[in-house]
């Protein structure tokens, strides 16, 4: 599989974790050492806990190559982000990549060989899902990279995603909900977690929570303190920052 058109748009479902704590993390963007430090800080147990990621594991940061190793860990699960979509779409076309993907942090790809590239494409296509639905503390939680179309329930979105190009582009790229501050409850889930849009602080609109806080980005007036945000999904009070 070398293009996004061939990506298997499947939803993965996870039952309640009866033995540990479930966490969700925003866009990592090649900052895997930062992730490891954060997991150590919260006491993450690799035997019983699970970490769900919102995509964009790669680009911008210095350790993008490590994403393959993390996807092989039995406690690590990720949906696909727009940066993995660019890897699939442009990773075989250096001319298109140079003006479409590389300016958005994909420059590291130039320093990889074809063996790694084949492994990377396979990891995205076979180890990442389009969305995730997880049961946590009696709640149903949906994970998607960017957004859910306004007025569309979670189950319909996940069911139709594979054959609906507009849904795919919304799930990977749309910022309309957060930019327009749409206070809308998405039916069929208690919470949805999204990344994609870097924010100074996490934000919640209706039952949709945005937790990309700029990991991989350089400090700027827009994001003065780029960092990872990790939420615990397990607890009576509902999801909260770990």
Protein backbone atom coordinates (compact mmCIF):
# COMPACT_ATOMS: atom_id res chain seq x y z
CA UNK A 1 0.00 0.00 0.00
CA UNK A 2 1.62 3.21 -1.13
CA UNK A 3 -1.23 5.69 -1.14
CA UNK A 4 -3.97 6.94 1.13
CA UNK A 5 -6.58 5.62 -1.28
CA UNK A 6 -5.48 2.10 -0.34
CA UNK A 7 -5.58 2.76 3.42
CA UNK A 8 -7.95 0.37 5.25
CA UNK A 9 -10.39 2.80 6.84
CA UNK A 10 -11.29 0.64 9.81
CA UNK A 11 -12.40 1.46 13.33
CA UNK A 12 -10.82 -0.50 16.13
CA UNK A 13 -12.85 -1.25 19.24
CA UNK A 14 -11.38 -1.79 22.70
CA UNK A 15 -13.24 -3.21 25.68
CA UNK A 16 -12.81 -1.94 29.22
CA UNK A 17 -9.31 -2.30 30.61
CA UNK A 18 -9.94 -4.34 33.73
CA UNK A 19 -6.33 -4.45 34.88
CA UNK A 20 -4.89 -0.97 34.38
CA UNK A 21 -5.38 2.62 33.28
CA UNK A 22 -6.08 3.87 29.78
CA UNK A 23 -4.54 7.12 28.53
CA UNK A 24 -4.84 9.22 25.38
CA UNK A 25 -2.05 11.50 24.12
CA UNK A 26 -2.12 14.30 21.57
CA UNK A 27 0.07 14.59 18.49
CA UNK A 28 3.62 13.39 19.25
CA UNK A 29 5.36 14.71 16.10
CA UNK A 30 8.63 12.87 16.49
CA UNK A 31 9.14 13.68 20.18
CA UNK A 32 9.34 10.14 21.52
CA UNK A 33 11.89 10.92 24.23
CA UNK A 34 9.48 13.56 25.49
CA UNK A 35 6.74 10.92 25.47
CA UNK A 36 8.87 8.47 27.43
CA UNK A 37 9.59 11.10 30.08
CA UNK A 38 5.89 11.94 30.34
CA UNK A 39 4.96 8.27 30.73
CA UNK A 40 7.58 7.85 33.43
CA UNK A 41 6.25 10.91 35.23
CA UNK A 42 2.69 9.54 35.38
CA UNK A 43 3.84 6.05 36.37
CA UNK A 44 2.68 4.35 33.17
CA UNK A 45 2.70 0.55 33.56
CA UNK A 46 3.57 -1.14 30.26
CA UNK A 47 2.15 -4.44 31.50
CA UNK A 48 -1.36 -3.29 32.41
CA UNK A 49 -1.90 0.23 31.03
CA UNK A 50 -2.77 1.26 27.45
CA UNK A 51 -1.82 4.39 25.54
CA UNK A 52 -4.01 5.60 22.69
CA UNK A 53 -2.55 8.17 20.31
CA UNK A 54 -4.36 10.66 18.07
CA UNK A 55 -2.07 10.34 15.06
CA UNK A 56 0.73 12.55 13.72
CA UNK A 57 3.38 10.42 15.33
CA UNK A 58 5.88 11.69 12.77
CA UNK A 59 7.40 14.93 11.38
CA UNK A 60 8.67 18.16 12.98
CA UNK A 61 10.49 16.56 15.92
CA UNK A 62 13.89 14.79 15.79
CA UNK A 63 12.82 11.16 16.32
CA UNK A 64 10.24 10.38 13.66
CA UNK A 65 11.96 7.11 12.73
CA UNK A 66 11.03 5.68 16.13
CA UNK A 67 7.31 5.58 15.33
CA UNK A 68 7.65 2.07 13.86
CA UNK A 69 9.07 0.72 17.12
CA UNK A 70 6.29 2.27 19.17
CA UNK A 71 3.59 0.88 16.87
CA UNK A 72 4.98 -2.59 17.60
CA UNK A 73 4.51 -2.19 21.38
CA UNK A 74 1.53 -4.18 22.74
CA UNK A 75 0.40 -1.24 24.92
CA UNK A 76 0.54 1.43 22.18
CA UNK A 77 -2.35 2.08 19.75
CA UNK A 78 -2.71 4.91 17.28
CA UNK A 79 -5.07 6.29 14.70
CA UNK A 80 -3.73 7.76 11.48
CA UNK A 81 -3.11 11.51 11.21
CA UNK A 82 -2.70 13.81 8.25
CA UNK A 83 1.09 13.50 8.49
CA UNK A 84 0.94 9.72 8.11
CA UNK A 85 -1.45 10.35 5.22
CA UNK A 86 1.23 12.53 3.60
CA UNK A 87 3.76 9.74 4.10
CA UNK A 88 1.50 7.36 2.19
CA UNK A 89 0.62 9.87 -0.50
CA UNK A 90 4.03 11.44 -1.14
CA UNK A 91 6.59 8.99 0.25
CA UNK A 92 7.16 7.50 -3.19
CA UNK A 93 7.23 10.83 -5.04
CA UNK A 94 10.15 13.02 -3.94
CA UNK A 95 9.13 15.88 -6.23
CA UNK A 96 5.64 16.18 -4.72
CA UNK A 97 6.97 15.54 -1.23
CA UNK A 98 9.47 18.40 -1.52
CA UNK A 99 6.75 21.02 -1.89
CA UNK A 100 3.81 19.34 -0.10
CA UNK A 101 5.09 17.22 2.76
CA UNK A 102 8.65 18.34 3.55
CA UNK A 103 7.72 21.96 4.37
CA UNK A 104 5.38 20.52 7.02
CA UNK A 105 8.12 18.59 8.80
CA UNK A 106 8.62 15.60 6.53
CA UNK A 107 12.24 16.49 5.75
CA UNK A 108 13.52 13.53 7.82
CA UNK A 109 12.26 11.15 5.10
CA UNK A 110 15.14 12.24 2.84
CA UNK A 111 17.60 10.59 5.23
CA UNK A 112 15.95 7.14 5.18
CA UNK A 113 16.63 4.21 2.88
CA UNK A 114 14.12 2.18 0.90
CA UNK A 115 14.08 -0.69 3.40
CA UNK A 116 13.00 1.67 6.14
CA UNK A 117 10.47 3.33 3.84
CA UNK A 118 8.81 0.04 3.06
CA UNK A 119 8.60 -0.75 6.78
CA UNK A 120 7.18 2.71 7.47
CA UNK A 121 4.45 2.41 4.82
CA UNK A 122 3.54 -1.03 6.12
CA UNK A 123 3.41 0.21 9.72
CA UNK A 124 1.01 3.02 8.80
CA UNK A 125 -1.21 0.79 6.67
CA UNK A 126 -1.32 -2.23 8.98
CA UNK A 127 -0.80 -0.89 12.51
CA UNK A 128 -2.80 2.35 12.50
CA UNK A 129 -6.59 2.65 12.31
CA UNK A 130 -8.81 5.45 11.06
CA UNK A 131 -10.68 5.82 14.36
CA UNK A 132 -10.77 4.10 17.73
CA UNK A 133 -13.68 3.48 20.08
CA UNK A 134 -12.76 2.49 23.62
CA UNK A 135 -14.79 1.68 26.73
CA UNK A 136 -13.32 3.32 29.82
CA UNK A 137 -14.93 3.51 33.27
CA UNK A 138 -18.33 2.75 31.76
CA UNK A 139 -18.01 5.49 29.15
CA UNK A 140 -17.79 5.18 25.38
CA UNK A 141 -14.96 7.29 24.00
CA UNK A 142 -14.15 8.01 20.36
CA UNK A 143 -10.75 8.99 18.99
CA UNK A 144 -10.22 10.71 15.63
CA UNK A 145 -7.34 12.83 14.46
CA UNK A 146 -8.93 16.15 13.47
CA UNK A 147 -12.72 16.41 13.54
CA UNK A 148 -16.13 14.81 13.05
CA UNK A 149 -18.54 16.42 10.54
CA UNK A 150 -21.10 18.63 12.23
CA UNK A 151 -24.45 16.94 12.72
CA UNK A 152 -23.08 13.42 12.20
CA UNK A 153 -23.17 10.85 15.00
CA UNK A 154 -20.11 8.82 15.89
CA UNK A 155 -21.40 5.44 14.74
CA UNK A 156 -22.49 6.76 11.35
CA UNK A 157 -19.17 8.55 10.90
CA UNK A 158 -17.16 5.41 11.65
CA UNK A 159 -19.43 3.15 9.57
CA UNK A 160 -19.33 5.36 6.46
CA UNK A 161 -15.73 6.55 6.72
CA UNK A 162 -14.27 3.97 4.36
CA UNK A 163 -16.46 5.00 1.42
CA UNK A 164 -16.88 8.71 2.07
CA UNK A 165 -14.05 10.96 0.88
CA UNK A 166 -15.50 14.02 2.64
CA UNK A 167 -15.58 12.16 5.96
CA UNK A 168 -11.97 11.05 5.44
CA UNK A 169 -10.79 14.61 4.76
CA UNK A 170 -12.73 15.90 7.77
CA UNK A 171 -11.26 13.21 10.01
CA UNK A 172 -7.73 13.99 8.88
CA UNK A 173 -7.66 17.72 8.14
CA UNK A 174 -10.68 19.73 9.33
CA UNK A 175 -10.34 22.48 11.93
CA UNK A 176 -13.83 23.91 11.49
CA UNK A 177 -15.15 22.79 14.87
CA UNK A 178 -12.35 24.30 16.92
CA UNK A 179 -11.88 27.44 14.82
CA UNK A 180 -15.61 28.22 14.74
CA UNK A 181 -16.06 27.18 18.39
CA UNK A 182 -18.93 24.82 17.58
CA UNK A 183 -20.51 23.80 20.88
CA UNK A 184 -22.16 20.61 19.69
CA UNK A 185 -22.56 17.20 21.25
CA UNK A 186 -21.64 14.33 18.95
CA UNK A 187 -24.21 11.58 19.47
CA UNK A 188 -23.23 8.00 20.24
CA UNK A 189 -20.26 8.64 22.55
CA UNK A 190 -19.62 10.28 25.89
CA UNK A 191 -16.45 12.00 24.69
CA UNK A 192 -14.42 12.39 21.51
CA UNK A 193 -10.72 13.26 21.60
CA UNK A 194 -9.04 15.07 18.71
CA UNK A 195 -5.56 16.39 17.98
CA UNK A 196 -4.37 18.15 14.81
CA UNK A 197 -4.87 21.78 15.88
CA UNK A 198 -2.05 23.02 18.17
CA UNK A 199 -3.40 24.93 21.15
CA UNK A 200 -1.87 26.68 24.15
CA UNK A 201 -4.17 24.64 26.40
CA UNK A 202 -6.57 21.75 25.78
CA UNK A 203 -10.10 22.85 24.88
CA UNK A 204 -13.52 21.21 25.07
CA UNK A 205 -16.48 22.03 22.82
CA UNK A 206 -19.60 20.04 23.63
CA UNK A 207 -18.27 16.54 24.24
CA UNK A 208 -15.27 16.98 21.90
CA UNK A 209 -11.88 17.51 23.57
CA UNK A 210 -8.88 18.89 21.64
CA UNK A 211 -5.52 17.99 23.19
CA UNK A 212 -2.76 18.85 20.69
CA UNK A 213 -0.58 21.29 22.64
CA UNK A 214 2.22 21.69 20.14
CA UNK A 215 4.66 18.83 20.63
CA UNK A 216 7.25 19.00 17.85
CA UNK A 217 6.65 22.69 17.12
CA UNK A 218 9.17 25.39 17.92
CA UNK A 219 8.20 27.89 20.63
CA UNK A 220 6.44 30.89 19.16
CA UNK A 221 4.03 33.65 20.12
CA UNK A 222 1.28 31.26 18.97
CA UNK A 223 2.49 28.26 21.02
CA UNK A 224 5.02 29.62 23.57
CA UNK A 225 5.39 26.29 25.42
CA UNK A 226 5.03 23.34 23.05
CA UNK A 227 4.35 20.15 25.01
CA UNK A 228 2.53 16.84 25.10
CA UNK A 229 -0.81 16.52 26.81
CA UNK A 230 -1.89 13.14 28.18
CA UNK A 231 -5.39 12.46 29.54
CA UNK A 232 -6.38 9.57 31.75
CA UNK A 233 -9.57 7.96 30.44
CA UNK A 234 -10.07 5.91 33.56
CA UNK A 235 -11.84 7.37 36.58
CA UNK A 236 -15.24 8.06 38.06
CA UNK A 237 -15.08 11.79 37.29
CA UNK A 238 -14.42 11.23 33.58
CA UNK A 239 -11.32 11.98 31.53
CA UNK A 240 -8.79 14.32 33.06
CA UNK A 241 -5.23 15.49 32.46
CA UNK A 242 -2.83 12.84 33.75
